[in-house]
Amino acid sequence: CVVGGPLTVPYACTLLEYCLVTGLDCWDLLVSLRPSMMDSVSERFIDSFNRQLPAVQQFYYIQFLSIRTLLYRLTINNQSRANDLTSLMMLHSVATAFKSLLRPSDMSES
C-alpha cells in the first residue's frame, strides 16, 4: 500500500487481523474505510478468522466479535447485526463466568 494511497480490501483485512492479534485499537482504520468497502472487508475478515485453528479461534473469539461489532456499527444497514453480536458477547461472558465456577472435575463432564 502506498502511503496516502487508497486503502484496499485485502490490506484493510490484513490490518484488522493485525489489530486482532496485537490487541491494538482498530478504530482509526475502521473510520477510514469507505462505506462501500465495509461488507467486503467484513466478509473477508470472517473468512480469514474461520480458516484458523480452533484453538486460535477460541483464544481470539471475544476480540474478533468486538471488531465485527465495530464494523457493523459503522453502517446503517447492519445495526441489527451489531446488536446481535453485542448480545452474543454478553451471553459468552455469562457462560464463561458460570464455567469458571465449576470445579475441574465438573468441566470434564460437560
N, C-alpha and C. Protein backbone atom coordinates (compact mmCIF):
# COMPACT_ATOMS: atom_id res chain seq x y z
N CYS A 1 0.84 -1.18 0.00
CA CYS A 1 0.00 0.00 0.00
C CYS A 1 0.89 1.25 0.00
N VAL A 2 0.56 2.16 -0.84
CA VAL A 2 1.30 3.40 -0.93
C VAL A 2 0.79 4.35 0.14
N VAL A 3 1.72 5.01 0.83
CA VAL A 3 1.31 5.94 1.87
C VAL A 3 0.48 7.05 1.24
N GLY A 4 -0.68 7.28 1.78
CA GLY A 4 -1.57 8.29 1.24
C GLY A 4 -2.42 7.78 0.09
N GLY A 5 -2.19 6.55 -0.33
CA GLY A 5 -2.97 5.97 -1.43
C GLY A 5 -4.26 5.38 -0.92
N PRO A 6 -5.05 4.84 -1.82
CA PRO A 6 -6.33 4.26 -1.41
C PRO A 6 -6.13 2.98 -0.61
N LEU A 7 -7.01 2.78 0.32
CA LEU A 7 -6.98 1.58 1.16
C LEU A 7 -7.76 0.48 0.44
N THR A 8 -7.13 -0.65 0.20
CA THR A 8 -7.79 -1.76 -0.49
C THR A 8 -8.39 -2.73 0.51
N VAL A 9 -9.31 -3.56 0.05
CA VAL A 9 -9.98 -4.54 0.92
C VAL A 9 -8.97 -5.53 1.52
N PRO A 10 -8.07 -6.13 0.70
CA PRO A 10 -7.11 -7.07 1.30
C PRO A 10 -6.20 -6.42 2.35
N TYR A 11 -5.75 -5.20 2.08
CA TYR A 11 -4.88 -4.53 3.03
C TYR A 11 -5.63 -4.17 4.31
N ALA A 12 -6.87 -3.71 4.17
CA ALA A 12 -7.68 -3.39 5.35
C ALA A 12 -7.92 -4.63 6.20
N CYS A 13 -8.17 -5.77 5.54
CA CYS A 13 -8.37 -7.02 6.27
C CYS A 13 -7.10 -7.43 7.00
N THR A 14 -5.97 -7.28 6.34
CA THR A 14 -4.68 -7.60 6.98
C THR A 14 -4.45 -6.73 8.20
N LEU A 15 -4.77 -5.45 8.10
CA LEU A 15 -4.62 -4.55 9.24
C LEU A 15 -5.58 -4.91 10.38
N LEU A 16 -6.79 -5.33 10.03
CA LEU A 16 -7.73 -5.77 11.07
C LEU A 16 -7.22 -7.03 11.77
N GLU A 17 -6.65 -7.95 11.00
CA GLU A 17 -6.07 -9.15 11.60
C GLU A 17 -4.92 -8.79 12.52
N TYR A 18 -4.10 -7.81 12.11
CA TYR A 18 -3.00 -7.34 12.95
C TYR A 18 -3.53 -6.76 14.26
N CYS A 19 -4.61 -5.98 14.17
CA CYS A 19 -5.22 -5.41 15.37
C CYS A 19 -5.79 -6.51 16.25
N LEU A 20 -6.36 -7.52 15.64
CA LEU A 20 -6.92 -8.66 16.39
C LEU A 20 -5.83 -9.36 17.20
N VAL A 21 -4.72 -9.64 16.57
CA VAL A 21 -3.66 -10.41 17.21
C VAL A 21 -2.88 -9.58 18.24
N THR A 22 -2.64 -8.32 17.93
CA THR A 22 -1.83 -7.49 18.83
C THR A 22 -2.65 -6.81 19.92
N GLY A 23 -3.97 -6.70 19.70
CA GLY A 23 -4.80 -6.01 20.67
C GLY A 23 -4.82 -4.51 20.48
N LEU A 24 -4.25 -4.02 19.39
CA LEU A 24 -4.26 -2.58 19.12
C LEU A 24 -5.67 -2.13 18.72
N ASP A 25 -5.93 -0.85 18.96
CA ASP A 25 -7.23 -0.28 18.63
C ASP A 25 -7.36 -0.13 17.11
N CYS A 26 -8.47 -0.59 16.57
CA CYS A 26 -8.68 -0.56 15.12
C CYS A 26 -9.61 0.56 14.68
N TRP A 27 -9.98 1.44 15.60
CA TRP A 27 -10.97 2.47 15.28
C TRP A 27 -10.53 3.37 14.13
N ASP A 28 -9.28 3.82 14.13
CA ASP A 28 -8.79 4.70 13.06
C ASP A 28 -8.90 4.03 11.70
N LEU A 29 -8.58 2.76 11.66
CA LEU A 29 -8.68 2.01 10.41
C LEU A 29 -10.14 1.91 9.97
N LEU A 30 -11.03 1.56 10.87
CA LEU A 30 -12.44 1.39 10.51
C LEU A 30 -13.07 2.69 10.04
N VAL A 31 -12.71 3.79 10.66
CA VAL A 31 -13.27 5.09 10.27
C VAL A 31 -12.76 5.51 8.89
N SER A 32 -11.58 5.05 8.52
CA SER A 32 -11.02 5.44 7.22
C SER A 32 -11.54 4.59 6.06
N LEU A 33 -12.29 3.52 6.35
CA LEU A 33 -12.84 2.69 5.29
C LEU A 33 -14.01 3.39 4.61
N ARG A 34 -14.09 3.22 3.30
CA ARG A 34 -15.23 3.74 2.57
C ARG A 34 -16.46 2.88 2.89
N PRO A 35 -17.64 3.47 2.95
CA PRO A 35 -18.84 2.68 3.26
C PRO A 35 -19.06 1.51 2.29
N SER A 36 -18.66 1.67 1.05
CA SER A 36 -18.84 0.59 0.07
C SER A 36 -17.92 -0.60 0.34
N MET A 37 -16.88 -0.38 1.13
CA MET A 37 -15.92 -1.45 1.44
C MET A 37 -16.29 -2.27 2.66
N MET A 38 -17.19 -1.76 3.48
CA MET A 38 -17.46 -2.38 4.78
C MET A 38 -17.86 -3.85 4.67
N ASP A 39 -18.80 -4.16 3.78
CA ASP A 39 -19.27 -5.54 3.67
C ASP A 39 -18.17 -6.46 3.16
N SER A 40 -17.39 -6.01 2.19
CA SER A 40 -16.31 -6.84 1.64
C SER A 40 -15.24 -7.11 2.69
N VAL A 41 -14.88 -6.08 3.42
CA VAL A 41 -13.87 -6.24 4.47
C VAL A 41 -14.39 -7.17 5.55
N SER A 42 -15.64 -7.01 5.92
CA SER A 42 -16.24 -7.86 6.95
C SER A 42 -16.25 -9.33 6.53
N GLU A 43 -16.69 -9.60 5.31
CA GLU A 43 -16.73 -10.98 4.82
C GLU A 43 -15.34 -11.59 4.76
N ARG A 44 -14.39 -10.82 4.28
CA ARG A 44 -13.02 -11.33 4.18
C ARG A 44 -12.41 -11.57 5.56
N PHE A 45 -12.70 -10.69 6.50
CA PHE A 45 -12.21 -10.83 7.88
C PHE A 45 -12.80 -12.09 8.52
N ILE A 46 -14.09 -12.33 8.32
CA ILE A 46 -14.74 -13.52 8.86
C ILE A 46 -14.15 -14.78 8.24
N ASP A 47 -13.97 -14.79 6.92
CA ASP A 47 -13.39 -15.95 6.24
C ASP A 47 -11.99 -16.24 6.75
N SER A 48 -11.21 -15.20 6.92
CA SER A 48 -9.84 -15.37 7.42
C SER A 48 -9.83 -15.95 8.82
N PHE A 49 -10.72 -15.46 9.68
CA PHE A 49 -10.79 -15.96 11.06
C PHE A 49 -11.23 -17.42 11.08
N ASN A 50 -12.18 -17.77 10.23
CA ASN A 50 -12.70 -19.14 10.21
C ASN A 50 -11.69 -20.15 9.66
N ARG A 51 -10.65 -19.70 8.97
CA ARG A 51 -9.61 -20.60 8.48
C ARG A 51 -8.57 -20.94 9.55
N GLN A 52 -8.62 -20.27 10.68
CA GLN A 52 -7.65 -20.51 11.74
C GLN A 52 -7.98 -21.79 12.50
N LEU A 53 -6.99 -22.28 13.21
CA LEU A 53 -7.18 -23.46 14.06
C LEU A 53 -8.21 -23.16 15.15
N PRO A 54 -8.96 -24.18 15.57
CA PRO A 54 -9.97 -23.95 16.62
C PRO A 54 -9.41 -23.33 17.90
N ALA A 55 -8.22 -23.72 18.28
CA ALA A 55 -7.62 -23.15 19.50
C ALA A 55 -7.35 -21.66 19.33
N VAL A 56 -6.90 -21.27 18.15
CA VAL A 56 -6.65 -19.85 17.87
C VAL A 56 -7.97 -19.09 17.85
N GLN A 57 -8.98 -19.68 17.25
CA GLN A 57 -10.29 -19.04 17.21
C GLN A 57 -10.85 -18.83 18.62
N GLN A 58 -10.69 -19.84 19.45
CA GLN A 58 -11.19 -19.74 20.82
C GLN A 58 -10.47 -18.64 21.59
N PHE A 59 -9.17 -18.53 21.39
CA PHE A 59 -8.37 -17.54 22.12
C PHE A 59 -8.76 -16.11 21.74
N TYR A 60 -9.00 -15.86 20.44
CA TYR A 60 -9.28 -14.51 19.96
C TYR A 60 -10.77 -14.23 19.74
N TYR A 61 -11.64 -15.11 20.20
CA TYR A 61 -13.05 -15.03 19.88
C TYR A 61 -13.70 -13.70 20.30
N ILE A 62 -13.51 -13.27 21.52
CA ILE A 62 -14.15 -12.04 22.00
C ILE A 62 -13.60 -10.83 21.27
N GLN A 63 -12.30 -10.78 21.04
CA GLN A 63 -11.73 -9.66 20.28
C GLN A 63 -12.27 -9.64 18.86
N PHE A 64 -12.42 -10.82 18.26
CA PHE A 64 -12.98 -10.95 16.92
C PHE A 64 -14.41 -10.41 16.88
N LEU A 65 -15.22 -10.80 17.86
CA LEU A 65 -16.59 -10.29 17.93
C LEU A 65 -16.62 -8.78 18.14
N SER A 66 -15.71 -8.26 18.91
CA SER A 66 -15.65 -6.82 19.15
C SER A 66 -15.36 -6.05 17.87
N ILE A 67 -14.39 -6.55 17.10
CA ILE A 67 -14.05 -5.89 15.84
C ILE A 67 -15.21 -5.97 14.86
N ARG A 68 -15.84 -7.13 14.78
CA ARG A 68 -17.01 -7.27 13.89
C ARG A 68 -18.13 -6.33 14.31
N THR A 69 -18.35 -6.19 15.61
CA THR A 69 -19.38 -5.29 16.09
C THR A 69 -19.09 -3.86 15.68
N LEU A 70 -17.83 -3.45 15.83
CA LEU A 70 -17.45 -2.10 15.40
C LEU A 70 -17.67 -1.91 13.90
N LEU A 71 -17.31 -2.90 13.12
CA LEU A 71 -17.53 -2.83 11.67
C LEU A 71 -19.00 -2.64 11.33
N TYR A 72 -19.85 -3.42 11.97
CA TYR A 72 -21.28 -3.34 11.69
C TYR A 72 -21.91 -2.06 12.22
N ARG A 73 -21.38 -1.52 13.30
CA ARG A 73 -21.93 -0.28 13.85
C ARG A 73 -21.71 0.91 12.92
N LEU A 74 -20.73 0.81 12.05
CA LEU A 74 -20.41 1.93 11.16
C LEU A 74 -21.29 1.99 9.91
N THR A 75 -22.15 1.01 9.72
CA THR A 75 -23.04 1.04 8.57
C THR A 75 -24.49 1.04 9.04
N ILE A 76 -25.30 1.77 8.34
CA ILE A 76 -26.71 1.90 8.72
C ILE A 76 -27.44 0.57 8.59
N ASN A 77 -27.15 -0.18 7.54
CA ASN A 77 -27.89 -1.41 7.26
C ASN A 77 -27.59 -2.56 8.21
N ASN A 78 -26.49 -2.48 8.95
CA ASN A 78 -26.06 -3.60 9.79
C ASN A 78 -26.21 -3.36 11.28
N GLN A 79 -27.06 -2.42 11.67
CA GLN A 79 -27.24 -2.13 13.09
C GLN A 79 -27.81 -3.33 13.84
N SER A 80 -28.71 -4.07 13.21
CA SER A 80 -29.28 -5.24 13.89
C SER A 80 -28.22 -6.32 14.09
N ARG A 81 -27.31 -6.48 13.13
CA ARG A 81 -26.20 -7.44 13.30
C ARG A 81 -25.29 -7.01 14.45
N ALA A 82 -25.04 -5.72 14.54
CA ALA A 82 -24.21 -5.21 15.63
C ALA A 82 -24.86 -5.49 16.98
N ASN A 83 -26.17 -5.30 17.05
CA ASN A 83 -26.89 -5.59 18.30
C ASN A 83 -26.85 -7.09 18.62
N ASP A 84 -27.00 -7.92 17.59
CA ASP A 84 -26.92 -9.37 17.80
C ASP A 84 -25.55 -9.79 18.33
N LEU A 85 -24.51 -9.20 17.77
CA LEU A 85 -23.15 -9.54 18.22
C LEU A 85 -22.89 -9.05 19.64
N THR A 86 -23.43 -7.90 19.97
CA THR A 86 -23.29 -7.41 21.34
C THR A 86 -23.97 -8.35 22.33
N SER A 87 -25.14 -8.83 21.96
CA SER A 87 -25.85 -9.80 22.81
C SER A 87 -25.08 -11.11 22.90
N LEU A 88 -24.52 -11.55 21.79
CA LEU A 88 -23.72 -12.78 21.79
C LEU A 88 -22.51 -12.65 22.70
N MET A 89 -21.84 -11.49 22.66
CA MET A 89 -20.69 -11.28 23.56
C MET A 89 -21.12 -11.32 25.02
N MET A 90 -22.28 -10.76 25.31
CA MET A 90 -22.78 -10.78 26.69
C MET A 90 -23.08 -12.20 27.13
N LEU A 91 -23.74 -12.98 26.27
CA LEU A 91 -24.04 -14.37 26.60
C LEU A 91 -22.76 -15.20 26.77
N HIS A 92 -21.78 -14.94 25.93
CA HIS A 92 -20.49 -15.65 26.04
C HIS A 92 -19.82 -15.31 27.38
N SER A 93 -19.90 -14.06 27.79
CA SER A 93 -19.32 -13.65 29.07
C SER A 93 -20.02 -14.33 30.25
N VAL A 94 -21.33 -14.42 30.18
CA VAL A 94 -22.09 -15.09 31.25
C VAL A 94 -21.73 -16.57 31.29
N ALA A 95 -21.66 -17.22 30.11
CA ALA A 95 -21.31 -18.64 30.06
C ALA A 95 -19.90 -18.86 30.61
N THR A 96 -18.98 -17.98 30.28
CA THR A 96 -17.61 -18.10 30.80
C THR A 96 -17.58 -17.92 32.31
N ALA A 97 -18.38 -17.00 32.81
CA ALA A 97 -18.44 -16.79 34.27
C ALA A 97 -18.96 -18.03 34.97
N PHE A 98 -20.00 -18.64 34.42
CA PHE A 98 -20.54 -19.86 35.03
C PHE A 98 -19.55 -21.02 34.93
N LYS A 99 -18.85 -21.14 33.82
CA LYS A 99 -17.85 -22.21 33.68
C LYS A 99 -16.71 -22.04 34.67
N SER A 100 -16.38 -20.80 34.99
CA SER A 100 -15.28 -20.57 35.94
C SER A 100 -15.67 -20.99 37.35
N LEU A 101 -16.97 -21.10 37.61
CA LEU A 101 -17.42 -21.53 38.94
C LEU A 101 -17.35 -23.04 39.13
N LEU A 102 -17.24 -23.77 38.03
CA LEU A 102 -17.20 -25.23 38.11
C LEU A 102 -15.83 -25.71 38.57
N ARG A 103 -15.83 -26.84 39.22
CA ARG A 103 -14.58 -27.48 39.59
C ARG A 103 -14.02 -28.17 38.34
N PRO A 104 -12.72 -28.42 38.26
CA PRO A 104 -12.15 -29.08 37.08
C PRO A 104 -12.81 -30.43 36.78
N SER A 105 -13.21 -31.18 37.80
CA SER A 105 -13.85 -32.48 37.56
C SER A 105 -15.22 -32.30 36.91
N ASP A 106 -15.92 -31.20 37.24
CA ASP A 106 -17.23 -30.93 36.64
C ASP A 106 -17.09 -30.51 35.18
N MET A 107 -16.02 -29.82 34.85
CA MET A 107 -15.82 -29.31 33.50
C MET A 107 -15.55 -30.43 32.50
N SER A 108 -14.91 -31.51 32.95
CA SER A 108 -14.61 -32.60 32.03
C SER A 108 -15.86 -33.37 31.61
N GLU A 109 -16.91 -33.27 32.40
CA GLU A 109 -18.16 -33.95 32.08
C GLU A 109 -19.00 -33.18 31.07
N SER A 110 -18.84 -31.86 30.99
CA SER A 110 -19.69 -31.06 30.09
C SER A 110 -19.09 -30.87 28.73
